[in-house]
Amino acid sequence: MTATSLSPTMLDDGQTETLADMLHLMGEPNRLRILMLCLDQECPVGDIAQTLDMTPSLTSHHLRLLKAARLVRGRRQGKQVFYEAADDHVRHVLRDLIAHIQEERS
C-alpha cells in the first residue's frame, strides 16, 4: 500500500505542517480560552481580556497569532476590534473536542 492510497484525506507536507501549527496554537490554554469565548459571538478585545483576567496587550498578542493562523477573524468598529471564530470549521473542531472531553468524564 502506498502513502497516497492510505486515505483520501492525506495531506501533503505543507498542509501537515500547517495543521500541526494550528493544533499547537490551540494547545496553549489562554488561546484556547479565547477561541472558546469567541465561538458563538463576537467579542471585543477588552471584554476578552477582562473575562479571562489577562492584560489587553497579552490578549492582543494571542489574537494576532490566532488570526494569522486563520482561527479567528476580526471586525473593526470605531476604535474597537471584535473577534469571532473564523468559520464553521473552527467551531465544529472545538465543539467536537469539547464533546469528546465531556463524554470521557461521564
PDB file of N, CA and C in Angstrom:
ATOM      1  N   MET A   1       0.852  -1.169   0.000  1.00  0.00           N
ATOM      2  CA  MET A   1       0.000   0.000   0.000  1.00  0.00           C
ATOM      3  C   MET A   1       0.902   1.236   0.000  1.00  0.00           C
ATOM      4  N   THR A   2       0.640   2.195  -0.892  1.00  0.00           N
ATOM      5  CA  THR A   2       1.445   3.407  -0.953  1.00  0.00           C
ATOM      6  C   THR A   2       0.856   4.458  -0.030  1.00  0.00           C
ATOM      7  N   ALA A   3       1.658   5.467   0.276  1.00  0.00           N
ATOM      8  CA  ALA A   3       1.201   6.540   1.162  1.00  0.00           C
ATOM      9  C   ALA A   3      -0.015   7.252   0.585  1.00  0.00           C
ATOM     10  N   THR A   4      -0.086   7.388  -0.725  1.00  0.00           N
ATOM     11  CA  THR A   4      -1.221   8.093  -1.318  1.00  0.00           C
ATOM     12  C   THR A   4      -2.488   7.261  -1.312  1.00  0.00           C
ATOM     13  N   SER A   5      -2.389   5.948  -1.144  1.00  0.00           N
ATOM     14  CA  SER A   5      -3.590   5.115  -1.133  1.00  0.00           C
ATOM     15  C   SER A   5      -4.111   4.859   0.283  1.00  0.00           C
ATOM     16  N   LEU A   6      -3.453   5.405   1.291  1.00  0.00           N
ATOM     17  CA  LEU A   6      -3.891   5.183   2.670  1.00  0.00           C
ATOM     18  C   LEU A   6      -5.240   5.813   2.952  1.00  0.00           C
ATOM     19  N   SER A   7      -5.433   7.039   2.499  1.00  0.00           N
ATOM     20  CA  SER A   7      -6.653   7.760   2.821  1.00  0.00           C
ATOM     21  C   SER A   7      -6.831   8.918   1.860  1.00  0.00           C
ATOM     22  N   PRO A   8      -8.066   9.194   1.480  1.00  0.00           N
ATOM     23  CA  PRO A   8      -8.285  10.345   0.607  1.00  0.00           C
ATOM     24  C   PRO A   8      -8.053  11.675   1.326  1.00  0.00           C
ATOM     25  N   THR A   9      -7.928  11.636   2.651  1.00  0.00           N
ATOM     26  CA  THR A   9      -7.724  12.876   3.396  1.00  0.00           C
ATOM     27  C   THR A   9      -6.257  13.104   3.759  1.00  0.00           C
ATOM     28  N   MET A  10      -5.361  12.366   3.165  1.00  0.00           N
ATOM     29  CA  MET A  10      -3.935  12.568   3.438  1.00  0.00           C
ATOM     30  C   MET A  10      -3.539  13.978   3.017  1.00  0.00           C
ATOM     31  N   LEU A  11      -2.673  14.575   3.770  1.00  0.00           N
ATOM     32  CA  LEU A  11      -2.208  15.928   3.495  1.00  0.00           C
ATOM     33  C   LEU A  11      -0.793  15.890   2.954  1.00  0.00           C
ATOM     34  N   ASP A  12      -0.450  16.898   2.155  1.00  0.00           N
ATOM     35  CA  ASP A  12       0.945  16.994   1.750  1.00  0.00           C
ATOM     36  C   ASP A  12       1.751  17.559   2.913  1.00  0.00           C
ATOM     37  N   ASP A  13       3.050  17.613   2.778  1.00  0.00           N
ATOM     38  CA  ASP A  13       3.913  18.037   3.887  1.00  0.00           C
ATOM     39  C   ASP A  13       3.579  19.438   4.377  1.00  0.00           C
ATOM     40  N   GLY A  14       3.317  20.357   3.474  1.00  0.00           N
ATOM     41  CA  GLY A  14       2.989  21.730   3.861  1.00  0.00           C
ATOM     42  C   GLY A  14       1.684  21.812   4.623  1.00  0.00           C
ATOM     43  N   GLN A  15       0.687  21.070   4.162  1.00  0.00           N
ATOM     44  CA  GLN A  15      -0.606  21.059   4.845  1.00  0.00           C
ATOM     45  C   GLN A  15      -0.489  20.413   6.223  1.00  0.00           C
ATOM     46  N   THR A  16       0.300  19.355   6.319  1.00  0.00           N
ATOM     47  CA  THR A  16       0.506  18.698   7.612  1.00  0.00           C
ATOM     48  C   THR A  16       1.169  19.653   8.594  1.00  0.00           C
ATOM     49  N   GLU A  17       2.149  20.411   8.116  1.00  0.00           N
ATOM     50  CA  GLU A  17       2.824  21.381   8.978  1.00  0.00           C
ATOM     51  C   GLU A  17       1.866  22.491   9.409  1.00  0.00           C
ATOM     52  N   THR A  18       1.024  22.954   8.500  1.00  0.00           N
ATOM     53  CA  THR A  18       0.038  23.988   8.838  1.00  0.00           C
ATOM     54  C   THR A  18      -0.926  23.482   9.895  1.00  0.00           C
ATOM     55  N   LEU A  19      -1.402  22.252   9.738  1.00  0.00           N
ATOM     56  CA  LEU A  19      -2.311  21.662  10.716  1.00  0.00           C
ATOM     57  C   LEU A  19      -1.635  21.520  12.076  1.00  0.00           C
ATOM     58  N   ALA A  20      -0.398  21.065  12.079  1.00  0.00           N
ATOM     59  CA  ALA A  20       0.344  20.929  13.339  1.00  0.00           C
ATOM     60  C   ALA A  20       0.501  22.282  14.020  1.00  0.00           C
ATOM     61  N   ASP A  21       0.779  23.323  13.239  1.00  0.00           N
ATOM     62  CA  ASP A  21       0.906  24.669  13.803  1.00  0.00           C
ATOM     63  C   ASP A  21      -0.414  25.134  14.421  1.00  0.00           C
ATOM     64  N   MET A  22      -1.523  24.866  13.738  1.00  0.00           N
ATOM     65  CA  MET A  22      -2.837  25.256  14.271  1.00  0.00           C
ATOM     66  C   MET A  22      -3.121  24.541  15.589  1.00  0.00           C
ATOM     67  N   LEU A  23      -2.866  23.247  15.613  1.00  0.00           N
ATOM     68  CA  LEU A  23      -3.109  22.485  16.836  1.00  0.00           C
ATOM     69  C   LEU A  23      -2.202  22.954  17.969  1.00  0.00           C
ATOM     70  N   HIS A  24      -0.970  23.300  17.637  1.00  0.00           N
ATOM     71  CA  HIS A  24      -0.039  23.828  18.635  1.00  0.00           C
ATOM     72  C   HIS A  24      -0.565  25.148  19.201  1.00  0.00           C
ATOM     73  N   LEU A  25      -1.045  26.024  18.341  1.00  0.00           N
ATOM     74  CA  LEU A  25      -1.602  27.301  18.800  1.00  0.00           C
ATOM     75  C   LEU A  25      -2.799  27.082  19.714  1.00  0.00           C
ATOM     76  N   MET A  26      -3.669  26.147  19.333  1.00  0.00           N
ATOM     77  CA  MET A  26      -4.861  25.881  20.149  1.00  0.00           C
ATOM     78  C   MET A  26      -4.504  25.165  21.446  1.00  0.00           C
ATOM     79  N   GLY A  27      -3.301  24.600  21.526  1.00  0.00           N
ATOM     80  CA  GLY A  27      -2.884  23.874  22.715  1.00  0.00           C
ATOM     81  C   GLY A  27      -2.460  24.761  23.869  1.00  0.00           C
ATOM     82  N   GLU A  28      -2.298  26.045  23.625  1.00  0.00           N
ATOM     83  CA  GLU A  28      -1.930  26.975  24.697  1.00  0.00           C
ATOM     84  C   GLU A  28      -3.224  27.375  25.409  1.00  0.00           C
ATOM     85  N   PRO A  29      -3.326  27.185  26.733  1.00  0.00           N
ATOM     86  CA  PRO A  29      -4.592  27.390  27.448  1.00  0.00           C
ATOM     87  C   PRO A  29      -5.243  28.757  27.249  1.00  0.00           C
ATOM     88  N   ASN A  30      -4.475  29.837  27.273  1.00  0.00           N
ATOM     89  CA  ASN A  30      -5.094  31.156  27.092  1.00  0.00           C
ATOM     90  C   ASN A  30      -5.685  31.308  25.694  1.00  0.00           C
ATOM     91  N   ARG A  31      -4.976  30.829  24.683  1.00  0.00           N
ATOM     92  CA  ARG A  31      -5.502  30.921  23.321  1.00  0.00           C
ATOM     93  C   ARG A  31      -6.740  30.048  23.161  1.00  0.00           C
ATOM     94  N   LEU A  32      -6.733  28.886  23.781  1.00  0.00           N
ATOM     95  CA  LEU A  32      -7.904  28.015  23.720  1.00  0.00           C
ATOM     96  C   LEU A  32      -9.101  28.680  24.403  1.00  0.00           C
ATOM     97  N   ARG A  33      -8.874  29.318  25.534  1.00  0.00           N
ATOM     98  CA  ARG A  33      -9.957  30.036  26.227  1.00  0.00           C
ATOM     99  C   ARG A  33     -10.512  31.157  25.351  1.00  0.00           C
ATOM    100  N   ILE A  34      -9.615  31.870  24.678  1.00  0.00           N
ATOM    101  CA  ILE A  34     -10.045  32.942  23.774  1.00  0.00           C
ATOM    102  C   ILE A  34     -10.910  32.364  22.667  1.00  0.00           C
ATOM    103  N   LEU A  35     -10.464  31.280  22.062  1.00  0.00           N
ATOM    104  CA  LEU A  35     -11.240  30.646  20.993  1.00  0.00           C
ATOM    105  C   LEU A  35     -12.620  30.224  21.487  1.00  0.00           C
ATOM    106  N   MET A  36     -12.681  29.608  22.657  1.00  0.00           N
ATOM    107  CA  MET A  36     -13.962  29.147  23.183  1.00  0.00           C
ATOM    108  C   MET A  36     -14.882  30.328  23.467  1.00  0.00           C
ATOM    109  N   LEU A  37     -14.315  31.435  23.927  1.00  0.00           N
ATOM    110  CA  LEU A  37     -15.102  32.634  24.201  1.00  0.00           C
ATOM    111  C   LEU A  37     -15.682  33.216  22.917  1.00  0.00           C
ATOM    112  N   CYS A  38     -14.973  33.052  21.819  1.00  0.00           N
ATOM    113  CA  CYS A  38     -15.379  33.636  20.536  1.00  0.00           C
ATOM    114  C   CYS A  38     -16.153  32.658  19.648  1.00  0.00           C
ATOM    115  N   LEU A  39     -16.525  31.511  20.165  1.00  0.00           N
ATOM    116  CA  LEU A  39     -17.215  30.515  19.343  1.00  0.00           C
ATOM    117  C   LEU A  39     -18.573  30.990  18.850  1.00  0.00           C
ATOM    118  N   ASP A  40     -19.371  31.559  19.720  1.00  0.00           N
ATOM    119  CA  ASP A  40     -20.759  31.852  19.387  1.00  0.00           C
ATOM    120  C   ASP A  40     -21.089  33.329  19.270  1.00  0.00           C
ATOM    121  N   GLN A  41     -20.111  34.175  19.513  1.00  0.00           N
ATOM    122  CA  GLN A  41     -20.389  35.616  19.449  1.00  0.00           C
ATOM    123  C   GLN A  41     -19.108  36.392  19.198  1.00  0.00           C
ATOM    124  N   GLU A  42     -19.278  37.589  18.669  1.00  0.00           N
ATOM    125  CA  GLU A  42     -18.140  38.488  18.530  1.00  0.00           C
ATOM    126  C   GLU A  42     -17.813  39.069  19.895  1.00  0.00           C
ATOM    127  N   CYS A  43     -16.533  39.190  20.193  1.00  0.00           N
ATOM    128  CA  CYS A  43     -16.108  39.733  21.476  1.00  0.00           C
ATOM    129  C   CYS A  43     -15.040  40.792  21.245  1.00  0.00           C
ATOM    130  N   PRO A  44     -15.189  41.964  21.883  1.00  0.00           N
ATOM    131  CA  PRO A  44     -14.131  42.966  21.786  1.00  0.00           C
ATOM    132  C   PRO A  44     -12.929  42.566  22.645  1.00  0.00           C
ATOM    133  N   VAL A  45     -11.767  43.034  22.246  1.00  0.00           N
ATOM    134  CA  VAL A  45     -10.523  42.671  22.939  1.00  0.00           C
ATOM    135  C   VAL A  45     -10.619  42.961  24.434  1.00  0.00           C
ATOM    136  N   GLY A  46     -11.126  44.124  24.792  1.00  0.00           N
ATOM    137  CA  GLY A  46     -11.225  44.498  26.209  1.00  0.00           C
ATOM    138  C   GLY A  46     -12.059  43.532  27.016  1.00  0.00           C
ATOM    139  N   ASP A  47     -13.176  43.083  26.448  1.00  0.00           N
ATOM    140  CA  ASP A  47     -14.041  42.130  27.148  1.00  0.00           C
ATOM    141  C   ASP A  47     -13.362  40.767  27.282  1.00  0.00           C
ATOM    142  N   ILE A  48     -12.650  40.360  26.230  1.00  0.00           N
ATOM    143  CA  ILE A  48     -11.918  39.087  26.294  1.00  0.00           C
ATOM    144  C   ILE A  48     -10.879  39.159  27.410  1.00  0.00           C
ATOM    145  N   ALA A  49     -10.116  40.253  27.423  1.00  0.00           N
ATOM    146  CA  ALA A  49      -9.070  40.424  28.436  1.00  0.00           C
ATOM    147  C   ALA A  49      -9.664  40.402  29.839  1.00  0.00           C
ATOM    148  N   GLN A  50     -10.750  41.143  30.036  1.00  0.00           N
ATOM    149  CA  GLN A  50     -11.364  41.226  31.358  1.00  0.00           C
ATOM    150  C   GLN A  50     -11.943  39.874  31.784  1.00  0.00           C
ATOM    151  N   THR A  51     -12.648  39.215  30.887  1.00  0.00           N
ATOM    152  CA  THR A  51     -13.260  37.919  31.205  1.00  0.00           C
ATOM    153  C   THR A  51     -12.219  36.882  31.586  1.00  0.00           C
ATOM    154  N   LEU A  52     -11.087  36.902  30.876  1.00  0.00           N
ATOM    155  CA  LEU A  52     -10.051  35.889  31.107  1.00  0.00           C
ATOM    156  C   LEU A  52      -8.958  36.366  32.059  1.00  0.00           C
ATOM    157  N   ASP A  53      -9.145  37.546  32.638  1.00  0.00           N
ATOM    158  CA  ASP A  53      -8.189  38.120  33.591  1.00  0.00           C
ATOM    159  C   ASP A  53      -6.785  38.194  32.985  1.00  0.00           C
ATOM    160  N   MET A  54      -6.723  38.752  31.776  1.00  0.00           N
ATOM    161  CA  MET A  54      -5.459  38.944  31.066  1.00  0.00           C
ATOM    162  C   MET A  54      -5.319  40.427  30.738  1.00  0.00           C
ATOM    163  N   THR A  55      -4.113  40.863  30.485  1.00  0.00           N
ATOM    164  CA  THR A  55      -3.919  42.242  30.058  1.00  0.00           C
ATOM    165  C   THR A  55      -4.388  42.379  28.608  1.00  0.00           C
ATOM    166  N   PRO A  56      -4.854  43.567  28.226  1.00  0.00           N
ATOM    167  CA  PRO A  56      -5.221  43.772  26.823  1.00  0.00           C
ATOM    168  C   PRO A  56      -4.053  43.508  25.870  1.00  0.00           C
ATOM    169  N   SER A  57      -2.844  43.838  26.292  1.00  0.00           N
ATOM    170  CA  SER A  57      -1.664  43.617  25.459  1.00  0.00           C
ATOM    171  C   SER A  57      -1.440  42.118  25.197  1.00  0.00           C
ATOM    172  N   LEU A  58      -1.505  41.310  26.252  1.00  0.00           N
ATOM    173  CA  LEU A  58      -1.324  39.869  26.101  1.00  0.00           C
ATOM    174  C   LEU A  58      -2.463  39.276  25.271  1.00  0.00           C
ATOM    175  N   THR A  59      -3.671  39.742  25.513  1.00  0.00           N
ATOM    176  CA  THR A  59      -4.824  39.279  24.749  1.00  0.00           C
ATOM    177  C   THR A  59      -4.635  39.580  23.267  1.00  0.00           C
ATOM    178  N   SER A  60      -4.213  40.792  22.955  1.00  0.00           N
ATOM    179  CA  SER A  60      -3.974  41.178  21.562  1.00  0.00           C
ATOM    180  C   SER A  60      -2.885  40.326  20.925  1.00  0.00           C
ATOM    181  N   HIS A  61      -1.849  40.018  21.689  1.00  0.00           N
ATOM    182  CA  HIS A  61      -0.776  39.159  21.189  1.00  0.00           C
ATOM    183  C   HIS A  61      -1.328  37.791  20.781  1.00  0.00           C
ATOM    184  N   HIS A  62      -2.116  37.183  21.667  1.00  0.00           N
ATOM    185  CA  HIS A  62      -2.704  35.881  21.372  1.00  0.00           C
ATOM    186  C   HIS A  62      -3.651  35.966  20.164  1.00  0.00           C
ATOM    187  N   LEU A  63      -4.430  37.040  20.103  1.00  0.00           N
ATOM    188  CA  LEU A  63      -5.357  37.203  18.985  1.00  0.00           C
ATOM    189  C   LEU A  63      -4.621  37.357  17.657  1.00  0.00           C
ATOM    190  N   ARG A  64      -3.497  38.044  17.661  1.00  0.00           N
ATOM    191  CA  ARG A  64      -2.693  38.170  16.430  1.00  0.00           C
ATOM    192  C   ARG A  64      -2.245  36.802  15.934  1.00  0.00           C
ATOM    193  N   LEU A  65      -1.794  35.961  16.847  1.00  0.00           N
ATOM    194  CA  LEU A  65      -1.369  34.613  16.469  1.00  0.00           C
ATOM    195  C   LEU A  65      -2.544  33.780  15.940  1.00  0.00           C
ATOM    196  N   LEU A  66      -3.675  33.871  16.617  1.00  0.00           N
ATOM    197  CA  LEU A  66      -4.852  33.119  16.192  1.00  0.00           C
ATOM    198  C   LEU A  66      -5.371  33.610  14.837  1.00  0.00           C
ATOM    199  N   LYS A  67      -5.302  34.918  14.637  1.00  0.00           N
ATOM    200  CA  LYS A  67      -5.748  35.486  13.362  1.00  0.00           C
ATOM    201  C   LYS A  67      -4.808  35.075  12.230  1.00  0.00           C
ATOM    202  N   ALA A  68      -3.507  35.089  12.486  1.00  0.00           N
ATOM    203  CA  ALA A  68      -2.529  34.693  11.468  1.00  0.00           C
ATOM    204  C   ALA A  68      -2.732  33.236  11.049  1.00  0.00           C
ATOM    205  N   ALA A  69      -3.217  32.409  11.979  1.00  0.00           N
ATOM    206  CA  ALA A  69      -3.480  31.001  11.688  1.00  0.00           C
ATOM    207  C   ALA A  69      -4.887  30.786  11.127  1.00  0.00           C
ATOM    208  N   ARG A  70      -5.615  31.862  10.910  1.00  0.00           N
ATOM    209  CA  ARG A  70      -6.986  31.828  10.391  1.00  0.00           C
ATOM    210  C   ARG A  70      -7.950  31.084  11.308  1.00  0.00           C
ATOM    211  N   LEU A  71      -7.711  31.181  12.613  1.00  0.00           N
ATOM    212  CA  LEU A  71      -8.608  30.561  13.586  1.00  0.00           C
ATOM    213  C   LEU A  71      -9.646  31.551  14.102  1.00  0.00           C
ATOM    214  N   VAL A  72      -9.328  32.844  14.071  1.00  0.00           N
ATOM    215  CA  VAL A  72     -10.291  33.899  14.394  1.00  0.00           C
ATOM    216  C   VAL A  72     -10.234  34.947  13.292  1.00  0.00           C
ATOM    217  N   ARG A  73     -11.289  35.758  13.259  1.00  0.00           N
ATOM    218  CA  ARG A  73     -11.288  36.911  12.357  1.00  0.00           C
ATOM    219  C   ARG A  73     -11.762  38.120  13.151  1.00  0.00           C
ATOM    220  N   GLY A  74     -11.284  39.273  12.748  1.00  0.00           N
ATOM    221  CA  GLY A  74     -11.626  40.498  13.449  1.00  0.00           C
ATOM    222  C   GLY A  74     -12.435  41.438  12.579  1.00  0.00           C
ATOM    223  N   ARG A  75     -13.254  42.245  13.254  1.00  0.00           N
ATOM    224  CA  ARG A  75     -14.051  43.269  12.584  1.00  0.00           C
ATOM    225  C   ARG A  75     -13.906  44.559  13.381  1.00  0.00           C
ATOM    226  N   ARG A  76     -13.413  45.575  12.716  1.00  0.00           N
ATOM    227  CA  ARG A  76     -13.206  46.863  13.387  1.00  0.00           C
ATOM    228  C   ARG A  76     -14.499  47.654  13.383  1.00  0.00           C
ATOM    229  N   GLN A  77     -14.799  48.217  14.556  1.00  0.00           N
ATOM    230  CA  GLN A  77     -15.942  49.120  14.699  1.00  0.00           C
ATOM    231  C   GLN A  77     -15.458  50.294  15.536  1.00  0.00           C
ATOM    232  N   GLY A  78     -15.187  51.405  14.877  1.00  0.00           N
ATOM    233  CA  GLY A  78     -14.600  52.547  15.568  1.00  0.00           C
ATOM    234  C   GLY A  78     -13.208  52.183  16.043  1.00  0.00           C
ATOM    235  N   LYS A  79     -12.962  52.371  17.330  1.00  0.00           N
ATOM    236  CA  LYS A  79     -11.648  52.046  17.890  1.00  0.00           C
ATOM    237  C   LYS A  79     -11.559  50.611  18.396  1.00  0.00           C
ATOM    238  N   GLN A  80     -12.685  49.912  18.422  1.00  0.00           N
ATOM    239  CA  GLN A  80     -12.692  48.548  18.939  1.00  0.00           C
ATOM    240  C   GLN A  80     -12.599  47.528  17.800  1.00  0.00           C
ATOM    241  N   VAL A  81     -11.988  46.391  18.114  1.00  0.00           N
ATOM    242  CA  VAL A  81     -11.966  45.260  17.187  1.00  0.00           C
ATOM    243  C   VAL A  81     -12.695  44.117  17.873  1.00  0.00           C
ATOM    244  N   PHE A  82     -13.652  43.549  17.152  1.00  0.00           N
ATOM    245  CA  PHE A  82     -14.441  42.426  17.642  1.00  0.00           C
ATOM    246  C   PHE A  82     -13.938  41.162  16.960  1.00  0.00           C
ATOM    247  N   TYR A  83     -13.732  40.120  17.756  1.00  0.00           N
ATOM    248  CA  TYR A  83     -13.216  38.860  17.228  1.00  0.00           C
ATOM    249  C   TYR A  83     -14.246  37.757  17.386  1.00  0.00           C
ATOM    250  N   GLU A  84     -14.213  36.829  16.430  1.00  0.00           N
ATOM    251  CA  GLU A  84     -15.051  35.638  16.492  1.00  0.00           C
ATOM    252  C   GLU A  84     -14.301  34.500  15.820  1.00  0.00           C
ATOM    253  N   ALA A  85     -14.778  33.277  16.051  1.00  0.00           N
ATOM    254  CA  ALA A  85     -14.176  32.122  15.374  1.00  0.00           C
ATOM    255  C   ALA A  85     -14.226  32.367  13.872  1.00  0.00           C
ATOM    256  N   ALA A  86     -13.180  31.968  13.187  1.00  0.00           N
ATOM    257  CA  ALA A  86     -13.034  32.305  11.775  1.00  0.00           C
ATOM    258  C   ALA A  86     -14.138  31.724  10.897  1.00  0.00           C
ATOM    259  N   ASP A  87     -14.589  30.527  11.205  1.00  0.00           N
ATOM    260  CA  ASP A  87     -15.620  29.910  10.374  1.00  0.00           C
ATOM    261  C   ASP A  87     -16.197  28.684  11.082  1.00  0.00           C
ATOM    262  N   ASP A  88     -17.127  28.029  10.399  1.00  0.00           N
ATOM    263  CA  ASP A  88     -17.779  26.857  10.998  1.00  0.00           C
ATOM    264  C   ASP A  88     -16.825  25.691  11.190  1.00  0.00           C
ATOM    265  N   HIS A  89     -15.772  25.598  10.374  1.00  0.00           N
ATOM    266  CA  HIS A  89     -14.801  24.517  10.565  1.00  0.00           C
ATOM    267  C   HIS A  89     -14.162  24.606  11.951  1.00  0.00           C
ATOM    268  N   VAL A  90     -13.744  25.802  12.320  1.00  0.00           N
ATOM    269  CA  VAL A  90     -13.122  26.008  13.633  1.00  0.00           C
ATOM    270  C   VAL A  90     -14.131  25.702  14.735  1.00  0.00           C
ATOM    271  N   ARG A  91     -15.364  26.185  14.567  1.00  0.00           N
ATOM    272  CA  ARG A  91     -16.397  25.928  15.566  1.00  0.00           C
ATOM    273  C   ARG A  91     -16.643  24.424  15.739  1.00  0.00           C
ATOM    274  N   HIS A  92     -16.751  23.701  14.623  1.00  0.00           N
ATOM    275  CA  HIS A  92     -17.016  22.257  14.692  1.00  0.00           C
ATOM    276  C   HIS A  92     -15.862  21.509  15.371  1.00  0.00           C
ATOM    277  N   VAL A  93     -14.642  21.852  15.021  1.00  0.00           N
ATOM    278  CA  VAL A  93     -13.487  21.173  15.625  1.00  0.00           C
ATOM    279  C   VAL A  93     -13.516  21.351  17.139  1.00  0.00           C
ATOM    280  N   LEU A  94     -13.679  22.585  17.588  1.00  0.00           N
ATOM    281  CA  LEU A  94     -13.678  22.840  19.030  1.00  0.00           C
ATOM    282  C   LEU A  94     -14.877  22.195  19.724  1.00  0.00           C
ATOM    283  N   ARG A  95     -16.049  22.316  19.131  1.00  0.00           N
ATOM    284  CA  ARG A  95     -17.237  21.714  19.756  1.00  0.00           C
ATOM    285  C   ARG A  95     -17.105  20.190  19.826  1.00  0.00           C
ATOM    286  N   ASP A  96     -16.574  19.587  18.765  1.00  0.00           N
ATOM    287  CA  ASP A  96     -16.392  18.135  18.781  1.00  0.00           C
ATOM    288  C   ASP A  96     -15.386  17.711  19.842  1.00  0.00           C
ATOM    289  N   LEU A  97     -14.297  18.451  19.978  1.00  0.00           N
ATOM    290  CA  LEU A  97     -13.306  18.122  21.008  1.00  0.00           C
ATOM    291  C   LEU A  97     -13.872  18.322  22.406  1.00  0.00           C
ATOM    292  N   ILE A  98     -14.652  19.383  22.594  1.00  0.00           N
ATOM    293  CA  ILE A  98     -15.291  19.627  23.893  1.00  0.00           C
ATOM    294  C   ILE A  98     -16.249  18.483  24.216  1.00  0.00           C
ATOM    295  N   ALA A  99     -17.052  18.077  23.246  1.00  0.00           N
ATOM    296  CA  ALA A  99     -17.995  16.956  23.449  1.00  0.00           C
ATOM    297  C   ALA A  99     -17.228  15.675  23.770  1.00  0.00           C
ATOM    298  N   HIS A 100     -16.110  15.463  23.107  1.00  0.00           N
ATOM    299  CA  HIS A 100     -15.300  14.270  23.366  1.00  0.00           C
ATOM    300  C   HIS A 100     -14.777  14.267  24.806  1.00  0.00           C
ATOM    301  N   ILE A 101     -14.292  15.407  25.257  1.00  0.00           N
ATOM    302  CA  ILE A 101     -13.785  15.530  26.643  1.00  0.00           C
ATOM    303  C   ILE A 101     -14.903  15.283  27.629  1.00  0.00           C
ATOM    304  N   GLN A 102     -16.076  15.859  27.370  1.00  0.00           N
ATOM    305  CA  GLN A 102     -17.192  15.715  28.295  1.00  0.00           C
ATOM    306  C   GLN A 102     -17.726  14.277  28.325  1.00  0.00           C
ATOM    307  N   GLU A 103     -17.662  13.563  27.201  1.00  0.00           N
ATOM    308  CA  GLU A 103     -18.085  12.163  27.175  1.00  0.00           C
ATOM    309  C   GLU A 103     -17.204  11.310  28.067  1.00  0.00           C
ATOM    310  N   GLU A 104     -15.903  11.549  28.040  1.00  0.00           N
ATOM    311  CA  GLU A 104     -14.959  10.763  28.823  1.00  0.00           C
ATOM    312  C   GLU A 104     -15.212  10.919  30.315  1.00  0.00           C
ATOM    313  N   ARG A 105     -15.692  12.064  30.726  1.00  0.00           N
ATOM    314  CA  ARG A 105     -15.892  12.333  32.142  1.00  0.00           C
ATOM    315  C   ARG A 105     -17.228  11.798  32.652  1.00  0.00           C
ATOM    316  N   SER A 106     -18.130  11.467  31.736  1.00  0.00           N
ATOM    317  CA  SER A 106     -19.465  10.997  32.137  1.00  0.00           C
ATOM    318  C   SER A 106     -19.422   9.566  32.628  1.00  0.00           C
TER     319      SER A 106
END
